[in-house]
């Protein structure tokens, strides 16, 4: 078994190798994931010269083929029921203010949907800075407080992504670049509190996962590595903002790339795509959780996207 220093050296060489063959995003993901796990990694190219071979960007797997077929079939159904996009807002500052003003309501509902016991007082203390884990034992140790703090940190990163989208960055590319940062920020307080290990923040899940109460079984961990880049490619090339909203959320939770936090990140992704079409930040309310989950189940287990698209449209 490698010592921690050995792991850092190997990770640095792997990152350097990927950069050598023009895979900078993979290299950066390795470095960021290792740093999030508290490893000090120095990138080192193990090759003497740059590879003369032009490598194919991606081999098409059966999982990717299936997702692309589902996307093409579902998008036509979504366009029939989802309201046309208003278009990028002319007053970007006002739009970003509306996003910020929705924070407490959004955090309460999104965390509560996942089973956390939070209240607006806790959420406001976390946001305002009066949350004091250094002197308040409850603030430091409770899972709910860690979740509230992580949500606030992730929300601030999502705001930056939305700002980039409003400024003209391709929404699929922006989400691809930033979603791992949302994830790390969401769970960083839980690492600090010792609730989860730093290594849990390094990359996508490395074990099978099952969704309680659902007939849908997310793809195997090996398939996730093929599906996620293809998923963001589909988002980046999709022209209809309403389709980006619905399928951005749906396919993220369909793939379930992380061990935890997929629902929260799926809703962040939904609202980032809302911004790409000028739709307002939209909160999924706790009192409609059963309808929300049933509509996702219809799409994931039954292939019928209309209930989910109609549900999201009803919130607008």
Protein backbone atom coordinates (compact mmCIF):
# COMPACT_ATOMS: atom_id res chain seq x y z
CA UNK A 1 0.00 0.00 0.00
CA UNK A 2 1.37 3.42 -0.94
CA UNK A 3 2.17 5.98 1.70
CA UNK A 4 0.41 9.34 1.41
CA UNK A 5 3.53 10.79 -0.25
CA UNK A 6 3.49 7.95 -2.75
CA UNK A 7 -0.13 8.65 -3.60
CA UNK A 8 0.70 12.32 -4.18
CA UNK A 9 3.58 11.46 -6.51
CA UNK A 10 1.50 8.97 -8.50
CA UNK A 11 -1.41 11.42 -8.79
CA UNK A 12 0.98 14.15 -9.95
CA UNK A 13 2.40 11.91 -12.66
CA UNK A 14 -1.03 10.76 -13.82
CA UNK A 15 -2.18 14.39 -14.03
CA UNK A 16 0.97 15.26 -15.97
CA UNK A 17 0.40 12.36 -18.36
CA UNK A 18 -3.14 13.45 -19.11
CA UNK A 19 -1.98 17.01 -19.76
CA UNK A 20 0.67 15.66 -22.13
CA UNK A 21 -2.01 14.03 -24.29
CA UNK A 22 -4.15 17.21 -24.28
CA UNK A 23 -6.58 16.23 -21.53
CA UNK A 24 -6.22 19.32 -19.30
CA UNK A 25 -9.67 18.97 -17.72
CA UNK A 26 -8.94 15.43 -16.49
CA UNK A 27 -5.56 16.60 -15.20
CA UNK A 28 -7.16 19.51 -13.33
CA UNK A 29 -9.88 17.28 -11.88
CA UNK A 30 -7.23 14.90 -10.51
CA UNK A 31 -5.25 17.74 -8.95
CA UNK A 32 -8.31 19.47 -7.46
CA UNK A 33 -9.70 16.20 -6.12
CA UNK A 34 -6.43 15.27 -4.43
CA UNK A 35 -6.04 18.75 -2.95
CA UNK A 36 -9.59 18.55 -1.61
CA UNK A 37 -8.53 15.33 0.10
CA UNK A 38 -5.62 17.20 1.75
CA UNK A 39 -2.86 15.75 -0.41
CA UNK A 40 -0.03 18.01 -1.53
CA UNK A 41 0.30 17.15 -5.22
CA UNK A 42 2.95 18.45 -7.62
CA UNK A 43 2.21 17.79 -11.28
CA UNK A 44 5.01 16.05 -13.18
CA UNK A 45 4.96 14.97 -16.82
CA UNK A 46 6.37 11.40 -16.88
CA UNK A 47 7.07 11.59 -20.61
CA UNK A 48 10.21 13.04 -22.17
CA UNK A 49 8.38 14.45 -25.17
CA UNK A 50 4.83 15.40 -26.03
CA UNK A 51 2.91 12.45 -27.44
CA UNK A 52 2.79 12.50 -31.27
CA UNK A 53 -0.44 10.51 -31.21
CA UNK A 54 -3.77 12.34 -31.38
CA UNK A 55 -6.01 10.41 -29.02
CA UNK A 56 -9.76 10.15 -29.57
CA UNK A 57 -11.57 12.29 -27.03
CA UNK A 58 -13.97 9.57 -25.99
CA UNK A 59 -15.03 6.05 -26.83
CA UNK A 60 -18.79 5.79 -27.22
CA UNK A 61 -20.17 3.35 -24.65
CA UNK A 62 -23.60 1.66 -24.74
CA UNK A 63 -24.55 3.79 -21.70
CA UNK A 64 -23.79 6.97 -23.62
CA UNK A 65 -25.70 5.75 -26.67
CA UNK A 66 -28.73 5.06 -24.50
CA UNK A 67 -28.56 8.50 -22.86
CA UNK A 68 -28.30 10.25 -26.22
CA UNK A 69 -31.33 8.34 -27.52
CA UNK A 70 -33.32 9.20 -24.39
CA UNK A 71 -32.29 12.86 -24.65
CA UNK A 72 -33.41 13.13 -28.29
CA UNK A 73 -36.74 11.45 -27.57
CA UNK A 74 -37.47 13.39 -24.39
CA UNK A 75 -36.54 16.84 -25.68
CA UNK A 76 -39.43 16.87 -28.17
CA UNK A 77 -41.90 16.07 -25.39
CA UNK A 78 -40.48 18.79 -23.17
CA UNK A 79 -40.76 21.45 -25.86
CA UNK A 80 -44.49 20.70 -26.10
CA UNK A 81 -45.22 21.41 -22.43
CA UNK A 82 -42.52 23.79 -21.17
CA UNK A 83 -42.98 27.58 -21.51
CA UNK A 84 -40.73 29.31 -24.06
CA UNK A 85 -37.66 30.95 -22.57
CA UNK A 86 -37.85 34.71 -21.90
CA UNK A 87 -34.24 35.13 -23.03
CA UNK A 88 -31.19 36.33 -21.15
CA UNK A 89 -32.11 39.24 -18.86
CA UNK A 90 -31.01 42.71 -19.91
CA UNK A 91 -30.57 43.71 -16.26
CA UNK A 92 -28.13 41.09 -15.02
CA UNK A 93 -27.64 42.77 -11.64
CA UNK A 94 -31.37 42.59 -10.93
CA UNK A 95 -31.46 38.92 -11.92
CA UNK A 96 -28.55 38.08 -9.62
CA UNK A 97 -30.25 40.00 -6.81
CA UNK A 98 -33.36 37.87 -7.32
CA UNK A 99 -31.20 34.74 -7.05
CA UNK A 100 -29.65 35.99 -3.80
CA UNK A 101 -33.04 36.97 -2.35
CA UNK A 102 -34.26 33.39 -2.84
CA UNK A 103 -31.45 31.84 -0.82
CA UNK A 104 -33.14 31.22 2.53
CA UNK A 105 -36.33 29.86 0.97
CA UNK A 106 -34.35 27.69 -1.43
CA UNK A 107 -31.97 26.35 1.23
CA UNK A 108 -34.78 25.49 3.62
CA UNK A 109 -36.77 23.59 1.01
CA UNK A 110 -33.85 21.88 -0.74
CA UNK A 111 -32.28 20.68 2.52
CA UNK A 112 -35.64 19.62 3.93
CA UNK A 113 -36.43 17.59 0.80
CA UNK A 114 -33.26 15.59 1.56
CA UNK A 115 -34.33 14.96 5.16
CA UNK A 116 -32.21 17.52 6.99
CA UNK A 117 -33.85 19.21 9.96
CA UNK A 118 -33.11 22.85 9.40
CA UNK A 119 -34.98 26.06 10.06
CA UNK A 120 -34.68 29.55 8.68
CA UNK A 121 -32.93 30.72 11.87
CA UNK A 122 -30.08 28.22 11.40
CA UNK A 123 -29.83 29.04 7.69
CA UNK A 124 -29.70 32.77 8.41
CA UNK A 125 -27.05 32.32 11.14
CA UNK A 126 -24.91 30.39 8.67
CA UNK A 127 -25.29 33.03 5.98
CA UNK A 128 -24.82 36.06 8.26
CA UNK A 129 -21.71 34.68 9.94
CA UNK A 130 -23.16 34.29 13.43
CA UNK A 131 -22.82 30.52 13.08
CA UNK A 132 -19.93 29.83 15.47
CA UNK A 133 -18.56 26.29 15.25
CA UNK A 134 -15.45 27.24 17.24
CA UNK A 135 -17.39 28.06 20.41
CA UNK A 136 -20.82 26.51 19.88
CA UNK A 137 -20.72 22.71 20.26
CA UNK A 138 -24.04 22.26 18.46
CA UNK A 139 -22.91 24.38 15.52
CA UNK A 140 -19.67 22.42 15.28
CA UNK A 141 -20.95 18.87 15.41
CA UNK A 142 -24.48 18.56 14.12
CA UNK A 143 -25.01 17.08 10.70
CA UNK A 144 -27.77 19.58 9.98
CA UNK A 145 -25.56 22.58 10.76
CA UNK A 146 -22.83 21.17 8.50
CA UNK A 147 -25.37 20.70 5.72
CA UNK A 148 -26.61 24.28 6.11
CA UNK A 149 -23.07 25.65 6.05
CA UNK A 150 -22.16 23.54 3.03
CA UNK A 151 -25.28 24.63 1.19
CA UNK A 152 -24.38 28.28 1.72
CA UNK A 153 -20.82 27.75 0.46
CA UNK A 154 -22.05 25.84 -2.60
CA UNK A 155 -24.76 28.43 -3.30
CA UNK A 156 -22.13 31.16 -3.53
CA UNK A 157 -20.25 29.11 -6.14
CA UNK A 158 -23.48 28.55 -8.09
CA UNK A 159 -24.02 32.32 -8.14
CA UNK A 160 -20.62 32.70 -9.81
CA UNK A 161 -21.57 30.08 -12.40
CA UNK A 162 -24.81 31.91 -13.13
CA UNK A 163 -22.94 35.18 -13.46
CA UNK A 164 -20.68 33.55 -16.06
CA UNK A 165 -23.70 32.17 -17.94
CA UNK A 166 -25.37 35.59 -17.98
CA UNK A 167 -22.09 36.98 -19.29
CA UNK A 168 -22.18 34.67 -22.31
CA UNK A 169 -20.40 31.48 -21.22
CA UNK A 170 -22.00 28.36 -22.69
CA UNK A 171 -24.26 27.03 -19.88
CA UNK A 172 -23.27 23.39 -20.34
CA UNK A 173 -19.59 24.28 -20.33
CA UNK A 174 -19.99 26.49 -17.26
CA UNK A 175 -21.75 23.73 -15.34
CA UNK A 176 -19.16 21.17 -16.46
CA UNK A 177 -16.34 23.38 -15.23
CA UNK A 178 -17.96 24.28 -11.90
CA UNK A 179 -20.11 21.41 -10.62
CA UNK A 180 -17.21 19.65 -8.89
CA UNK A 181 -16.52 22.87 -7.00
CA UNK A 182 -20.17 23.02 -5.90
CA UNK A 183 -19.82 19.47 -4.58
CA UNK A 184 -16.59 20.12 -2.70
CA UNK A 185 -17.95 23.29 -1.10
CA UNK A 186 -21.17 21.51 -0.13
CA UNK A 187 -19.34 18.86 1.88
CA UNK A 188 -16.23 20.75 3.03
CA UNK A 189 -17.78 21.63 6.45
CA UNK A 190 -18.59 17.95 7.02
CA UNK A 191 -14.92 17.12 6.41
CA UNK A 192 -13.83 19.81 8.87
CA UNK A 193 -16.21 18.39 11.48
CA UNK A 194 -14.94 14.85 10.92
CA UNK A 195 -18.31 13.59 9.67
CA UNK A 196 -16.83 12.42 6.34
CA UNK A 197 -13.27 11.77 5.15
CA UNK A 198 -11.39 14.23 2.90
CA UNK A 199 -10.96 11.46 0.33
CA UNK A 200 -14.76 11.35 -0.07
CA UNK A 201 -14.54 14.65 -1.97
CA UNK A 202 -12.13 13.34 -4.60
CA UNK A 203 -14.03 12.70 -7.82
CA UNK A 204 -17.17 10.77 -8.67
CA UNK A 205 -18.45 7.82 -6.63
CA UNK A 206 -16.43 4.63 -6.56
CA UNK A 207 -19.15 2.26 -5.38
CA UNK A 208 -22.66 1.14 -6.40
CA UNK A 209 -25.54 3.29 -5.20
CA UNK A 210 -29.25 2.72 -4.74
CA UNK A 211 -32.09 5.19 -4.37
CA UNK A 212 -34.49 4.46 -1.54
CA UNK A 213 -38.02 3.78 -2.76
CA UNK A 214 -37.11 3.90 -6.47
CA UNK A 215 -37.15 1.19 -9.12
CA UNK A 216 -34.35 3.02 -10.91
CA UNK A 217 -30.84 1.73 -10.25
CA UNK A 218 -28.20 4.34 -11.21
CA UNK A 219 -25.51 3.24 -13.68
CA UNK A 220 -22.47 1.37 -12.42
CA UNK A 221 -19.57 3.46 -11.21
CA UNK A 222 -17.52 2.53 -14.30
CA UNK A 223 -20.26 3.94 -16.56
CA UNK A 224 -20.32 7.26 -14.68
CA UNK A 225 -16.89 8.15 -16.14
CA UNK A 226 -18.32 7.81 -19.66
CA UNK A 227 -21.70 9.36 -18.96
CA UNK A 228 -20.74 12.60 -17.23
CA UNK A 229 -18.61 14.12 -20.04
CA UNK A 230 -21.24 13.07 -22.59
CA UNK A 231 -23.99 14.56 -20.41
CA UNK A 232 -22.28 17.95 -20.30
CA UNK A 233 -21.66 17.78 -24.05
CA UNK A 234 -25.40 17.34 -24.57
CA UNK A 235 -26.09 20.32 -22.30
CA UNK A 236 -23.53 22.42 -24.15
CA UNK A 237 -25.00 21.67 -27.58
CA UNK A 238 -28.69 21.82 -26.59
CA UNK A 239 -30.31 24.92 -28.11
CA UNK A 240 -33.58 24.92 -26.15
CA UNK A 241 -33.27 26.41 -22.66
CA UNK A 242 -36.35 24.58 -21.35
CA UNK A 243 -34.81 21.27 -22.39
CA UNK A 244 -31.60 22.23 -20.62
CA UNK A 245 -33.59 22.96 -17.44
CA UNK A 246 -35.52 19.69 -17.38
CA UNK A 247 -32.93 17.26 -18.73
CA UNK A 248 -30.08 18.97 -16.88
CA UNK A 249 -31.76 18.14 -13.60
CA UNK A 250 -33.16 14.79 -14.66
CA UNK A 251 -30.05 13.21 -16.15
CA UNK A 252 -27.83 14.40 -13.32
CA UNK A 253 -29.91 12.52 -10.76
CA UNK A 254 -30.44 9.65 -13.24
CA UNK A 255 -26.65 9.12 -13.37
CA UNK A 256 -26.22 9.90 -9.65
CA UNK A 257 -22.49 10.60 -10.02
CA UNK A 258 -21.80 11.29 -6.33
CA UNK A 259 -22.32 9.23 -3.21
CA UNK A 260 -24.40 12.03 -1.67
CA UNK A 261 -25.72 15.46 -2.62
CA UNK A 262 -27.05 14.53 -6.07
CA UNK A 263 -30.51 16.01 -5.45
CA UNK A 264 -29.16 19.32 -4.19
CA UNK A 265 -26.67 19.63 -7.02
CA UNK A 266 -29.36 18.57 -9.52
CA UNK A 267 -31.51 21.48 -8.33
CA UNK A 268 -28.54 23.85 -8.52
CA UNK A 269 -27.98 22.63 -12.07
CA UNK A 270 -31.66 23.14 -12.88
CA UNK A 271 -31.49 26.74 -11.72
CA UNK A 272 -28.24 27.41 -13.57
CA UNK A 273 -30.01 26.28 -16.72
CA UNK A 274 -33.01 28.45 -15.74
CA UNK A 275 -30.64 31.42 -15.86
CA UNK A 276 -29.46 30.40 -19.32
CA UNK A 277 -32.97 31.03 -20.64
CA UNK A 278 -33.89 33.97 -18.42
CA UNK A 279 -36.32 31.92 -16.33
CA UNK A 280 -36.38 32.97 -12.65
CA UNK A 281 -34.67 31.03 -9.86
CA UNK A 282 -37.21 28.38 -8.99
CA UNK A 283 -37.68 26.69 -5.61
CA UNK A 284 -39.10 23.17 -5.38
CA UNK A 285 -41.24 23.36 -2.23
CA UNK A 286 -41.08 20.73 0.49
CA UNK A 287 -44.87 20.35 0.50
CA UNK A 288 -44.71 19.11 -3.12
CA UNK A 289 -41.93 16.61 -2.47
CA UNK A 290 -44.11 13.56 -3.15
CA UNK A 291 -45.20 14.94 -6.54
CA UNK A 292 -41.60 15.89 -7.36
CA UNK A 293 -40.25 12.43 -6.55
CA UNK A 294 -43.09 10.67 -8.37
CA UNK A 295 -42.46 12.68 -11.54
CA UNK A 296 -38.74 11.86 -11.43
CA UNK A 297 -39.63 8.19 -10.96
CA UNK A 298 -41.91 8.29 -14.02
CA UNK A 299 -39.00 9.54 -16.10
CA UNK A 300 -36.22 7.36 -14.69
CA UNK A 301 -38.11 4.08 -14.34
CA UNK A 302 -40.78 4.53 -16.99
CA UNK A 303 -39.15 6.80 -19.58
CA UNK A 304 -41.99 9.35 -19.40
CA UNK A 305 -40.51 12.83 -19.01
CA UNK A 306 -43.81 14.74 -19.36
CA UNK A 307 -44.84 14.58 -15.65
CA UNK A 308 -41.46 15.97 -14.58
CA UNK A 309 -41.40 18.66 -17.26
CA UNK A 310 -44.96 19.66 -16.37
CA UNK A 311 -44.12 19.72 -12.67
CA UNK A 312 -41.16 22.08 -13.16
CA UNK A 313 -43.24 24.22 -15.53
CA UNK A 314 -45.98 24.53 -12.91
CA UNK A 315 -43.48 26.12 -10.50
CA UNK A 316 -42.80 28.93 -12.95
